[in-house]
């Protein structure tokens, strides 16, 4: 049996060596039987045990590769990017509310959130925020959240009782272990600066924050979360790679748009996907024309039913 694929994979190489040892023992047992037929009873039992062990090892190795393939399709690490859109300060407050919604949902599943960078508005909302999120099923769950989210409400500062509409864009960027994107050093420009916020004297004195600019596309990434410049540089390059991979996928998808029939898909961030109507206590996803009520519980992280039906609709398509 050819087990070369298992020998080449670090996760299954040890099991593959055990499998080969068992194959040698099985061969030796069969040779012994050819020399001495009187040993058949004992040898047959030994061979049956060896075959059973081989089957178990084979199942383990196949399961490891299967899980690895799934993780490659649906990585357990993403970049969650939220940007305030139309609506000024109200849009920034909405962006913050979306960030809290995803964090609370993730916390219920044991995901970890690490804030990579943020830009705050005057009232404390997010002009832009970037999280690194890790956890089982994170990309599989959130992959359909990319797009424009819209909120309709009467702001506390509104004296005439008029309904305001604000927007925020969400981008879900999978961090894949295997990527076809290769970064050319000549295409990159780096800037360093002092990290702001808490972190002690070291953060204020050392230029640990890193900004990397991809000159061909103009995409830039800033990372301030780590204390060392090297670690921030590594994280920024990882995020840049994820952004370039998504950009490539969007370009491919746009070329095939005439053939695409999926109404869900992974949208680009210019597509309006969902409206949160405070006055009517209703959240509507425009792609599948479904609505949910109890908007406060949804903002409190109870978005599982929405994500579940999006996944189900995607499978149907």
Foldseek 3Di string as FASTA:
>chain_A
DDPVVQCPDPVRVVLVVVLVVLVVVLVVLVVVCVVPVVCVVVSVVVNVVSVVSNVVSVVVSVVVVVVLVVCQVQPQKKKKKKAWDPDAPVSQQVSQLVVLQQVLQCVVQVKDKDWFDFDADPVGGTNMTMIMIGDPCPCVLCLLQFAKEKEWDQDPPHPVRDIDITIMGIDIFDQGPDDPDDDDPVQKDKDWAAADDDDPPLSRPDRQKMKIARNVVRDIFIGSRDSHNVVNVVVRVSVVRRVVRVVVVVVVCVVCVVVDDQLRHRDHHHHYAWYCYPVVQWIAGPSVGDIDGPSVVSSSHPCVVVSVVSSVSVVVD
